[in-house]
């Protein structure tokens, strides 16, 4: 049995759908802090910081695999510093401890490019490099990576992780991350024909289409344990582009689309992150390979959103 914590988020909803298709609806338990209309039963209400409730669900369903996705994302975490740290850390400890006790066999926990900082090499950022994050979210993710590796080395916990780049998908709305402009821009392109970006036109960031991210997550979880050589978190690269380049890609589908720029505090966050990622370790260890480039992603995003919004 599989439990997804934080299933109502952007990654969670897509993972629930794919894993239920793969393993059967009743084998995948979705959970979040409140009921999510888009998620069908089996669903359990779970505050990720409530260790007793988590243990109750794990025991009730005999959970053996956990995807722990609950977190406060980058831009929101800067506004709620203490809560972000407590949520992002305490919830991870609850899951790791249950695995240490032998109740859970395998854990997926997402890290992020936010673990990198201003002193990290920005281009082709290596797997092993300087990690001096300057955001609350990044600090919590870096600490989480170290705890995951510690529990793996010290207690044999089978925990697996990916440093997600910015994720772009059409099934959920943006969730408060700095990279979420690259989701919102497609919605605004269709609805208004224009977009005001909160980043500068040349702010390059590593991104990935959600289809690729979900596939990578499941491929990592299905890899043989001996092939998972990194127990902190794997770099995962996809597509690196700027707001100007994504706008040009959209203009291939919507020629009249216009973009303007009004950078805010999120620009400073973006400047602390890499421009492109080296993910050779993931390619070598468990065979990772992306399927979507920028134009393929733009074409599919706009196609799917048109269907979703009843424009086709």
Protein backbone atom coordinates (compact mmCIF):
# COMPACT_ATOMS: atom_id res chain seq x y z
CA UNK A 1 0.00 0.00 0.00
CA UNK A 2 1.15 3.51 -0.89
CA UNK A 3 0.50 6.75 1.02
CA UNK A 4 0.89 10.18 -0.58
CA UNK A 5 1.23 13.00 1.96
CA UNK A 6 0.40 16.43 0.58
CA UNK A 7 -1.54 14.86 -2.28
CA UNK A 8 -3.53 18.02 -3.01
CA UNK A 9 -0.53 19.89 -4.43
CA UNK A 10 0.75 20.22 -7.96
CA UNK A 11 2.92 17.08 -7.88
CA UNK A 12 0.64 15.13 -5.56
CA UNK A 13 -2.50 15.17 -7.67
CA UNK A 14 -0.62 13.93 -10.72
CA UNK A 15 1.21 11.25 -8.75
CA UNK A 16 -2.05 9.97 -7.26
CA UNK A 17 -3.57 9.58 -10.73
CA UNK A 18 -0.55 7.81 -12.25
CA UNK A 19 0.09 5.52 -9.28
CA UNK A 20 -3.58 4.52 -9.05
CA UNK A 21 -3.57 3.73 -12.75
CA UNK A 22 -0.44 1.65 -12.22
CA UNK A 23 -1.25 -0.17 -8.96
CA UNK A 24 -5.04 0.08 -8.61
CA UNK A 25 -7.17 2.77 -7.00
CA UNK A 26 -7.48 1.08 -3.60
CA UNK A 27 -3.70 0.59 -3.29
CA UNK A 28 -2.93 4.33 -3.20
CA UNK A 29 -4.11 6.42 -0.24
CA UNK A 30 -4.21 10.16 -0.85
CA UNK A 31 -3.93 12.52 2.13
CA UNK A 32 -3.80 16.24 2.80
CA UNK A 33 -4.52 18.66 5.61
CA UNK A 34 -8.06 19.14 4.28
CA UNK A 35 -10.37 17.42 1.82
CA UNK A 36 -9.39 18.02 -1.82
CA UNK A 37 -12.34 17.87 -4.21
CA UNK A 38 -10.19 16.65 -7.09
CA UNK A 39 -9.04 13.59 -5.11
CA UNK A 40 -11.35 10.62 -4.85
CA UNK A 41 -11.37 8.05 -2.05
CA UNK A 42 -9.43 6.44 -0.55
CA UNK A 43 -8.54 9.76 1.07
CA UNK A 44 -7.48 10.56 4.62
CA UNK A 45 -7.26 13.97 6.29
CA UNK A 46 -3.73 14.37 7.66
CA UNK A 47 -1.79 17.26 9.13
CA UNK A 48 1.75 16.25 8.16
CA UNK A 49 3.05 17.52 11.51
CA UNK A 50 0.77 15.17 13.43
CA UNK A 51 2.96 12.11 13.96
CA UNK A 52 0.30 10.16 15.85
CA UNK A 53 -2.24 10.57 13.05
CA UNK A 54 0.36 9.55 10.48
CA UNK A 55 1.18 6.39 12.42
CA UNK A 56 -2.53 5.63 12.71
CA UNK A 57 -2.96 5.80 8.91
CA UNK A 58 0.20 3.75 8.30
CA UNK A 59 -1.06 1.05 10.67
CA UNK A 60 -4.64 1.13 9.38
CA UNK A 61 -3.68 0.61 5.74
CA UNK A 62 -0.43 -1.30 6.30
CA UNK A 63 1.42 1.36 4.31
CA UNK A 64 4.80 0.26 2.98
CA UNK A 65 5.64 3.11 0.60
CA UNK A 66 5.33 6.85 1.30
CA UNK A 67 5.61 9.82 -1.04
CA UNK A 68 6.05 12.73 1.37
CA UNK A 69 5.25 15.90 -0.59
CA UNK A 70 3.87 18.26 2.06
CA UNK A 71 5.88 21.50 2.28
CA UNK A 72 5.58 25.27 2.22
CA UNK A 73 7.11 26.47 -1.06
CA UNK A 74 9.72 29.16 -1.62
CA UNK A 75 7.79 32.44 -1.92
CA UNK A 76 5.25 31.52 0.77
CA UNK A 77 7.97 30.25 3.12
CA UNK A 78 9.61 33.68 3.10
CA UNK A 79 6.40 35.10 4.56
CA UNK A 80 5.98 32.38 7.25
CA UNK A 81 9.51 31.57 8.34
CA UNK A 82 8.92 29.62 11.55
CA UNK A 83 5.93 27.69 10.25
CA UNK A 84 7.78 26.77 7.03
CA UNK A 85 10.72 25.35 8.99
CA UNK A 86 8.47 23.40 11.35
CA UNK A 87 6.29 21.97 8.59
CA UNK A 88 9.13 21.09 6.23
CA UNK A 89 11.29 19.52 8.95
CA UNK A 90 8.97 17.98 11.52
CA UNK A 91 6.86 16.19 8.94
CA UNK A 92 9.97 14.62 7.40
CA UNK A 93 11.15 13.38 10.80
CA UNK A 94 7.82 11.65 11.40
CA UNK A 95 8.17 9.68 8.16
CA UNK A 96 11.86 8.84 8.66
CA UNK A 97 11.20 7.62 12.19
CA UNK A 98 8.42 5.28 11.03
CA UNK A 99 10.80 3.86 8.42
CA UNK A 100 13.53 3.49 11.06
CA UNK A 101 11.02 1.47 13.16
CA UNK A 102 10.39 -0.82 10.17
CA UNK A 103 6.81 0.28 9.54
CA UNK A 104 7.62 1.83 6.11
CA UNK A 105 9.86 0.14 3.53
CA UNK A 106 10.49 2.98 1.09
CA UNK A 107 10.21 6.79 1.11
CA UNK A 108 10.21 9.43 -1.60
CA UNK A 109 10.93 12.96 -0.39
CA UNK A 110 11.40 15.82 -2.86
CA UNK A 111 14.24 18.27 -2.50
CA UNK A 112 14.73 21.28 -4.76
CA UNK A 113 17.18 23.47 -6.65
CA UNK A 114 16.53 25.83 -3.72
CA UNK A 115 19.31 24.00 -1.81
CA UNK A 116 21.75 25.92 -3.99
CA UNK A 117 22.61 29.54 -3.31
CA UNK A 118 24.49 32.59 -4.59
CA UNK A 119 27.88 30.86 -4.14
CA UNK A 120 26.87 27.77 -6.15
CA UNK A 121 28.19 27.56 -9.74
CA UNK A 122 25.19 28.80 -11.74
CA UNK A 123 25.76 27.03 -15.05
CA UNK A 124 25.72 23.24 -15.33
CA UNK A 125 25.50 23.02 -11.53
CA UNK A 126 27.23 19.77 -10.41
CA UNK A 127 25.69 17.06 -8.26
CA UNK A 128 28.24 17.73 -5.53
CA UNK A 129 28.89 21.43 -5.09
CA UNK A 130 28.58 24.39 -2.73
CA UNK A 131 25.14 24.46 -1.08
CA UNK A 132 24.61 27.72 0.81
CA UNK A 133 20.91 28.51 0.35
CA UNK A 134 19.65 32.00 1.13
CA UNK A 135 15.94 31.18 1.47
CA UNK A 136 13.93 29.51 4.23
CA UNK A 137 12.70 26.89 1.77
CA UNK A 138 16.23 26.15 0.59
CA UNK A 139 17.57 25.90 4.15
CA UNK A 140 14.87 23.40 5.08
CA UNK A 141 15.45 21.33 1.94
CA UNK A 142 19.20 21.22 2.49
CA UNK A 143 18.69 20.12 6.09
CA UNK A 144 16.22 17.50 4.86
CA UNK A 145 18.77 16.12 2.39
CA UNK A 146 21.29 15.69 5.18
CA UNK A 147 18.75 13.93 7.41
CA UNK A 148 17.68 11.60 4.59
CA UNK A 149 21.29 10.58 3.98
CA UNK A 150 21.88 10.20 7.73
CA UNK A 151 18.88 7.88 8.19
CA UNK A 152 19.91 5.88 5.11
CA UNK A 153 23.51 5.43 6.30
CA UNK A 154 22.82 5.04 10.02
CA UNK A 155 19.58 3.04 10.04
CA UNK A 156 19.31 1.56 6.53
CA UNK A 157 16.21 3.60 5.65
CA UNK A 158 15.43 3.32 1.93
CA UNK A 159 14.80 7.00 1.20
CA UNK A 160 15.02 8.42 -2.32
CA UNK A 161 14.98 12.02 -3.45
CA UNK A 162 15.14 14.36 -6.43
CA UNK A 163 16.14 18.02 -6.45
CA UNK A 164 13.19 19.19 -8.52
CA UNK A 165 13.70 22.15 -10.81
CA UNK A 166 10.70 24.41 -11.45
CA UNK A 167 7.75 22.19 -12.39
CA UNK A 168 5.26 23.11 -15.09
CA UNK A 169 1.91 21.35 -15.38
CA UNK A 170 -1.65 22.04 -16.51
CA UNK A 171 -3.66 20.04 -13.97
CA UNK A 172 -3.29 22.36 -10.96
CA UNK A 173 -2.90 26.09 -10.46
CA UNK A 174 0.39 27.68 -9.30
CA UNK A 175 1.16 27.02 -5.63
CA UNK A 176 3.35 29.87 -4.38
CA UNK A 177 6.75 29.04 -5.83
CA UNK A 178 9.17 31.39 -7.55
CA UNK A 179 9.17 29.25 -10.68
CA UNK A 180 5.36 29.28 -10.86
CA UNK A 181 5.43 32.16 -13.37
CA UNK A 182 6.10 29.46 -15.96
CA UNK A 183 2.72 27.88 -15.18
CA UNK A 184 0.70 31.08 -14.82
CA UNK A 185 2.02 32.51 -18.09
CA UNK A 186 0.20 29.81 -20.11
CA UNK A 187 -3.10 30.49 -18.34
CA UNK A 188 -2.77 34.25 -18.91
CA UNK A 189 -1.74 33.76 -22.52
CA UNK A 190 -5.01 32.00 -23.24
CA UNK A 191 -7.25 34.13 -21.03
CA UNK A 192 -5.81 37.63 -21.59
CA UNK A 193 -3.27 37.35 -24.37
CA UNK A 194 -0.67 39.01 -22.14
CA UNK A 195 1.33 38.42 -18.96
CA UNK A 196 3.16 40.65 -16.46
CA UNK A 197 6.15 38.68 -15.21
CA UNK A 198 7.55 39.11 -11.69
CA UNK A 199 11.03 38.11 -12.93
CA UNK A 200 13.40 39.88 -15.34
CA UNK A 201 13.31 38.83 -18.99
CA UNK A 202 16.73 37.14 -18.77
CA UNK A 203 16.19 35.26 -15.48
CA UNK A 204 17.23 31.75 -16.52
CA UNK A 205 16.00 28.93 -14.29
CA UNK A 206 15.98 25.12 -14.62
CA UNK A 207 12.48 23.87 -15.37
CA UNK A 208 10.77 20.60 -16.19
CA UNK A 209 7.44 19.57 -17.67
CA UNK A 210 5.32 17.77 -15.09
CA UNK A 211 5.02 14.63 -17.23
CA UNK A 212 8.79 14.23 -17.10
CA UNK A 213 8.96 14.99 -13.37
CA UNK A 214 6.32 12.40 -12.45
CA UNK A 215 7.96 9.79 -14.65
CA UNK A 216 11.37 10.50 -13.09
CA UNK A 217 9.89 10.17 -9.59
CA UNK A 218 8.33 6.79 -10.30
CA UNK A 219 11.42 5.55 -12.16
CA UNK A 220 13.59 6.44 -9.17
CA UNK A 221 11.22 4.67 -6.78
CA UNK A 222 11.16 1.58 -9.00
CA UNK A 223 14.96 1.47 -9.42
CA UNK A 224 16.87 -1.31 -7.68
CA UNK A 225 18.13 -0.20 -4.28
CA UNK A 226 21.73 -0.87 -5.30
CA UNK A 227 21.35 1.51 -8.26
CA UNK A 228 20.31 4.39 -5.98
CA UNK A 229 23.78 5.51 -5.00
CA UNK A 230 22.88 9.01 -3.77
CA UNK A 231 20.69 9.10 -0.66
CA UNK A 232 20.68 12.86 -0.11
CA UNK A 233 19.05 13.97 -3.38
CA UNK A 234 19.68 13.63 -7.12
CA UNK A 235 20.11 16.64 -9.39
CA UNK A 236 17.44 16.56 -12.08
CA UNK A 237 17.77 18.81 -15.11
CA UNK A 238 15.16 19.45 -17.74
CA UNK A 239 14.85 22.66 -19.73
CA UNK A 240 16.57 25.91 -18.78
CA UNK A 241 14.95 29.04 -20.17
CA UNK A 242 14.20 32.69 -19.41
CA UNK A 243 10.81 34.46 -19.31
CA UNK A 244 11.66 36.01 -22.66
CA UNK A 245 12.28 32.58 -24.21
CA UNK A 246 9.09 31.02 -22.85
CA UNK A 247 7.17 34.02 -24.22
CA UNK A 248 8.75 33.47 -27.64
CA UNK A 249 7.80 29.80 -27.46
CA UNK A 250 4.18 30.73 -26.65
CA UNK A 251 4.17 33.21 -29.55
CA UNK A 252 4.76 30.28 -31.93
CA UNK A 253 1.30 29.07 -30.86
CA UNK A 254 -0.30 32.46 -30.06
CA UNK A 255 1.41 35.08 -32.28
CA UNK A 256 -0.25 38.11 -30.61
CA UNK A 257 0.82 37.16 -27.07
CA UNK A 258 2.59 39.99 -25.21
CA UNK A 259 4.79 39.93 -22.08
CA UNK A 260 5.88 42.75 -19.76
CA UNK A 261 8.20 42.71 -16.75
CA UNK A 262 7.75 44.01 -13.21
CA UNK A 263 10.32 42.19 -11.02
CA UNK A 264 9.49 41.80 -7.30
CA UNK A 265 11.12 40.01 -4.33
CA UNK A 266 11.01 36.73 -6.23
CA UNK A 267 13.67 38.01 -8.61
CA UNK A 268 16.15 37.97 -5.74
CA UNK A 269 15.18 34.39 -4.94
CA UNK A 270 15.64 33.41 -8.59
CA UNK A 271 19.08 35.02 -8.68
CA UNK A 272 20.21 32.77 -5.82
CA UNK A 273 19.42 29.63 -7.85
CA UNK A 274 21.25 27.91 -10.73
CA UNK A 275 20.59 28.68 -14.40
CA UNK A 276 21.12 25.07 -15.54
CA UNK A 277 21.66 21.71 -13.83
CA UNK A 278 24.02 18.81 -14.44
CA UNK A 279 22.09 15.58 -13.83
CA UNK A 280 24.61 13.05 -15.13
CA UNK A 281 24.47 11.06 -11.88
CA UNK A 282 20.74 10.38 -12.33
CA UNK A 283 21.34 9.40 -15.96
CA UNK A 284 24.16 7.04 -15.02
CA UNK A 285 22.63 5.48 -11.89
CA UNK A 286 19.01 4.86 -12.87
CA UNK A 287 18.71 5.83 -16.52
CA UNK A 288 16.99 9.23 -16.33
CA UNK A 289 16.24 11.02 -19.62
CA UNK A 290 13.81 13.89 -20.24
CA UNK A 291 11.28 13.73 -23.10
CA UNK A 292 10.12 17.38 -23.48
CA UNK A 293 11.95 20.46 -24.72
CA UNK A 294 10.56 24.01 -24.41
CA UNK A 295 8.53 24.10 -27.63
CA UNK A 296 7.09 20.60 -27.11
CA UNK A 297 6.07 21.60 -23.60
CA UNK A 298 4.47 24.88 -24.73
CA UNK A 299 2.48 23.15 -27.47
CA UNK A 300 1.16 20.49 -25.07
CA UNK A 301 0.46 22.95 -22.23
CA UNK A 302 -1.62 25.20 -24.47
CA UNK A 303 -3.41 22.25 -26.05
CA UNK A 304 -4.34 20.77 -22.67
CA UNK A 305 -5.35 24.10 -21.15
CA UNK A 306 -7.58 24.89 -24.14
CA UNK A 307 -9.40 21.60 -23.55
CA UNK A 308 -9.57 22.27 -19.81
CA UNK A 309 -10.96 25.79 -20.30
CA UNK A 310 -13.42 24.69 -23.01
CA UNK A 311 -11.69 26.71 -25.72
CA UNK A 312 -11.51 23.84 -28.22
